[in-house]
Amino acid sequence: MDTIYGTRKAILKSKLEVDIAFITSPSNIFYYTGFLSNPHERFMALVFNTKTNKEILYVPALDLDAAEQVAHIQHIVPITDEQMPFEVVKNTIGNLGSTAGVEAKALTLSRYLELTNALNVQVKDI
């Protein structure tokens, strides 16, 4: 880990007791990647797959260029308004496992329902 962001992510990942973790608060995404955006109603998430050690930042397609310029992250995946966000996650993150960690205070009920329907995981607060 060659940056403060890498160190922060390593500390977080060492404490996770879930198979996949979703960081959805824009301020926490900034803390872990250096990328700050206000996606409004659009989906944005920093996702860690603890089984494969894969990390992906999902951003609204409109924010892709800005994210690529500043985010300290392995992969960035844009999501258009027409796509179903959790289907994109399912197709890009790999082995999902059975438990997902979410920031309960940052996740709306509609996003929770989308997550559980698309990924078929047990959800825990992280």
Protein backbone atom coordinates (compact mmCIF):
# COMPACT_ATOMS: atom_id res chain seq x y z
CA MET A 1 0.00 0.00 0.00
CA ASP A 2 1.81 3.06 -1.22
CA THR A 3 -0.69 5.76 -0.25
CA ILE A 4 -2.65 6.81 2.79
CA TYR A 5 -5.74 5.55 0.95
CA GLY A 6 -4.21 2.09 0.58
CA THR A 7 -3.39 2.01 4.28
CA ARG A 8 -6.91 3.08 5.21
CA LYS A 9 -8.44 0.40 2.98
CA ALA A 10 -6.13 -2.27 4.39
CA ILE A 11 -7.13 -1.39 7.96
CA LEU A 12 -10.83 -1.51 7.05
CA LYS A 13 -10.52 -4.81 5.18
CA SER A 14 -8.67 -6.41 8.11
CA LYS A 15 -11.69 -5.70 10.33
CA LEU A 16 -14.41 -6.88 7.95
CA GLU A 17 -16.27 -10.06 8.88
CA VAL A 18 -18.33 -10.26 5.70
CA ASP A 19 -17.73 -11.65 2.21
CA ILE A 20 -18.45 -8.41 0.41
CA ALA A 21 -18.62 -4.85 1.75
CA PHE A 22 -20.39 -1.80 0.34
CA ILE A 23 -19.22 1.69 1.29
CA THR A 24 -21.85 4.08 -0.07
CA SER A 25 -21.44 7.29 1.92
CA PRO A 26 -19.72 9.85 -0.37
CA SER A 27 -17.58 11.10 2.53
CA ASN A 28 -16.39 7.58 3.34
CA ILE A 29 -15.70 6.85 -0.33
CA PHE A 30 -13.57 10.00 -0.33
CA TYR A 31 -11.76 8.87 2.83
CA TYR A 32 -10.83 5.52 1.26
CA THR A 33 -10.17 6.60 -2.35
CA GLY A 34 -9.62 10.36 -2.59
CA PHE A 35 -12.63 10.72 -4.89
CA LEU A 36 -15.42 13.04 -3.76
CA SER A 37 -18.73 13.29 -5.56
CA ASN A 38 -22.36 13.90 -4.77
CA PRO A 39 -24.18 11.30 -6.87
CA HIS A 40 -27.64 12.49 -5.75
CA GLU A 41 -30.01 9.60 -6.48
CA ARG A 42 -27.48 7.72 -8.63
CA PHE A 43 -25.64 4.63 -7.36
CA MET A 44 -22.08 5.07 -6.14
CA ALA A 45 -20.26 2.52 -4.01
CA LEU A 46 -16.82 1.34 -3.04
CA VAL A 47 -17.05 -2.44 -2.94
CA PHE A 48 -14.58 -4.87 -1.38
CA ASN A 49 -14.72 -8.59 -2.08
CA THR A 50 -12.91 -10.02 0.93
CA LYS A 51 -12.69 -13.50 -0.64
CA THR A 52 -10.79 -12.33 -3.73
CA ASN A 53 -9.31 -9.09 -2.33
CA LYS A 54 -10.86 -7.27 -5.30
CA GLU A 55 -11.93 -3.67 -4.84
CA ILE A 56 -14.04 -1.69 -7.26
CA LEU A 57 -15.38 1.84 -7.20
CA TYR A 58 -18.76 2.03 -8.94
CA VAL A 59 -19.57 5.56 -10.08
CA PRO A 60 -22.29 7.22 -12.12
CA ALA A 61 -21.14 7.20 -15.75
CA LEU A 62 -21.13 11.02 -15.68
CA ASP A 63 -18.41 10.93 -12.97
CA LEU A 64 -16.09 8.41 -14.64
CA ASP A 65 -13.52 10.91 -15.95
CA ALA A 66 -13.28 12.72 -12.62
CA ALA A 67 -12.94 9.44 -10.71
CA GLU A 68 -10.21 8.17 -13.02
CA GLN A 69 -8.19 11.32 -12.41
CA VAL A 70 -8.11 11.17 -8.61
CA ALA A 71 -9.33 7.87 -7.16
CA HIS A 72 -6.75 5.55 -5.60
CA ILE A 73 -8.44 2.26 -6.47
CA GLN A 74 -7.79 -0.94 -8.44
CA HIS A 75 -10.82 -0.67 -10.72
CA ILE A 76 -13.51 1.89 -11.56
CA VAL A 77 -16.77 0.78 -13.17
CA PRO A 78 -19.23 3.33 -14.55
CA ILE A 79 -22.96 2.73 -14.18
CA THR A 80 -25.43 4.41 -16.48
CA ASP A 81 -28.91 5.49 -15.46
CA GLU A 82 -30.35 2.64 -17.51
CA GLN A 83 -28.42 -0.11 -15.72
CA MET A 84 -29.46 -1.96 -12.56
CA PRO A 85 -26.55 -1.20 -10.18
CA PHE A 86 -26.51 -4.46 -8.25
CA GLU A 87 -26.66 -6.50 -11.46
CA VAL A 88 -23.51 -4.65 -12.57
CA VAL A 89 -21.90 -5.42 -9.21
CA LYS A 90 -22.92 -9.07 -9.48
CA ASN A 91 -21.33 -9.33 -12.93
CA THR A 92 -18.06 -7.57 -12.07
CA ILE A 93 -17.04 -8.28 -8.47
CA GLY A 94 -16.71 -12.07 -8.62
CA ASN A 95 -17.62 -14.63 -5.94
CA LEU A 96 -20.12 -12.81 -3.74
CA GLY A 97 -20.29 -15.20 -0.82
CA SER A 98 -23.22 -15.18 1.56
CA THR A 99 -22.79 -12.04 3.68
CA ALA A 100 -22.69 -8.39 2.67
CA GLY A 101 -21.66 -5.52 4.89
CA VAL A 102 -23.31 -2.15 4.37
CA GLU A 103 -23.30 1.24 6.03
CA ALA A 104 -26.78 0.96 7.49
CA LYS A 105 -27.09 4.72 8.04
CA ALA A 106 -26.22 5.44 4.41
CA LEU A 107 -28.34 2.76 2.71
CA THR A 108 -31.91 3.57 1.74
CA LEU A 109 -34.63 0.96 2.01
CA SER A 110 -35.00 0.83 -1.77
CA ARG A 111 -31.25 0.18 -2.22
CA TYR A 112 -31.40 -2.48 0.52
CA LEU A 113 -34.22 -4.25 -1.31
CA GLU A 114 -32.35 -4.02 -4.62
CA LEU A 115 -29.23 -5.46 -2.99
CA THR A 116 -30.92 -8.39 -1.30
CA ASN A 117 -33.02 -9.26 -4.37
CA ALA A 118 -30.11 -9.10 -6.83
CA LEU A 119 -27.35 -10.64 -4.73
CA ASN A 120 -29.19 -13.03 -2.39
CA VAL A 121 -26.96 -12.25 0.59
CA GLN A 122 -27.44 -11.76 4.31
CA VAL A 123 -26.86 -8.09 5.14
CA LYS A 124 -24.96 -6.79 8.18
CA ASP A 125 -24.06 -3.30 9.32
CA ILE A 126 -20.38 -2.43 9.14
